[in-house]
Each structure stands twice: as C-alpha cells, then as structure tokens.
Protein backbone atom coordinates (compact mmCIF):
# COMPACT_ATOMS: atom_id res chain seq x y z
CA MET A 1 -34.99 -23.59 -4.62
CA SER A 2 -32.77 -24.80 -1.79
CA ALA A 3 -30.07 -25.75 -4.31
CA GLN A 4 -30.13 -22.20 -5.65
CA ILE A 5 -29.88 -20.80 -2.10
CA ALA A 6 -26.93 -23.10 -1.40
CA GLN A 7 -25.24 -22.01 -4.64
CA LEU A 8 -25.75 -18.32 -3.87
CA THR A 9 -24.55 -18.79 -0.30
CA SER A 10 -21.43 -20.54 -1.55
CA ALA A 11 -20.76 -17.75 -4.05
CA LEU A 12 -21.22 -15.14 -1.32
CA VAL A 13 -18.78 -16.93 0.98
CA GLU A 14 -16.21 -17.20 -1.81
CA SER A 15 -16.65 -13.53 -2.66
CA GLU A 16 -16.15 -12.57 0.98
CA TRP A 17 -12.97 -14.67 1.18
CA ARG A 18 -11.62 -12.89 -1.91
CA ARG A 19 -12.52 -9.47 -0.51
CA VAL A 20 -10.76 -10.23 2.79
CA ALA A 21 -7.68 -11.56 0.98
CA GLU A 22 -7.50 -8.44 -1.22
CA GLN A 23 -7.89 -6.20 1.82
CA GLN A 24 -5.08 -8.01 3.66
CA SER A 25 -2.85 -7.76 0.60
CA MET A 26 -3.54 -4.04 0.27
CA SER A 27 -2.86 -3.51 3.98
CA ALA A 28 0.48 -5.30 3.64
CA THR A 29 1.35 -3.16 0.61
CA VAL A 30 0.45 0.05 2.46
CA GLN A 31 2.59 -1.04 5.42
CA LYS A 32 5.58 -1.68 3.13
CA ILE A 33 5.14 1.74 1.52
CA LYS A 34 4.99 3.41 4.94
CA GLU A 35 8.22 1.66 5.96
CA GLN A 36 9.94 2.75 2.74
CA VAL A 37 8.83 6.36 3.24
CA LEU A 38 10.10 6.35 6.82
CA ASN A 39 13.42 4.89 5.66
CA LEU A 40 13.74 7.61 3.03
CA ALA A 41 12.92 10.28 5.59
CA ARG A 42 15.70 8.99 7.88
CA ARG A 43 18.29 8.87 5.10
CA PRO A 44 20.76 11.77 5.29
CA THR A 45 20.99 14.01 2.28
CA THR A 46 24.01 13.36 0.08
CA SER A 47 23.97 16.53 -2.02
CA ASP A 48 27.04 18.74 -2.10
CA PRO A 49 26.45 22.02 -0.22
CA GLU A 50 28.07 23.87 -3.14
CA ASP A 51 25.57 22.32 -5.53
CA THR A 52 22.37 24.01 -4.40
CA ASP A 53 19.59 25.58 -6.42
CA ASP A 54 19.47 28.55 -4.08
CA ASP A 55 19.58 31.80 -6.07
CA SER A 56 20.50 34.00 -3.08
CA GLU A 57 23.99 34.71 -4.47
CA GLU A 58 22.67 36.76 -7.37
C-alpha cells in the first residue's frame, strides 16, 4: 500500500511540474504577443493618402 501511495505521490508531483512548466510557457507566449501588438500599434501607417477606400468623393 505504501508503495502505491509513493507511486501516486510521485506521479502527482510530476504532473504538477508539467502543469507549472506549461503555464510558464503560455505566460511567456502571451507576453511576446502583447509586445508584438504594442509594436504594431506604434508603427506609423505607410499607406498612400491617395489610396484610401473612402467613398466620400462619389
């Protein structure tokens, strides 16, 4: 019985380590995406003012 408890405890610890590692990886990915979005938001637009989709001239 104690061997089974030790085995289950070990599996639980390993599962928790994996969960924490996945969470850290996802947090890092989210942070990178946030940085990329902020960089895109700061980038000036490069479209030609004459080349707009505005239909106000008609």
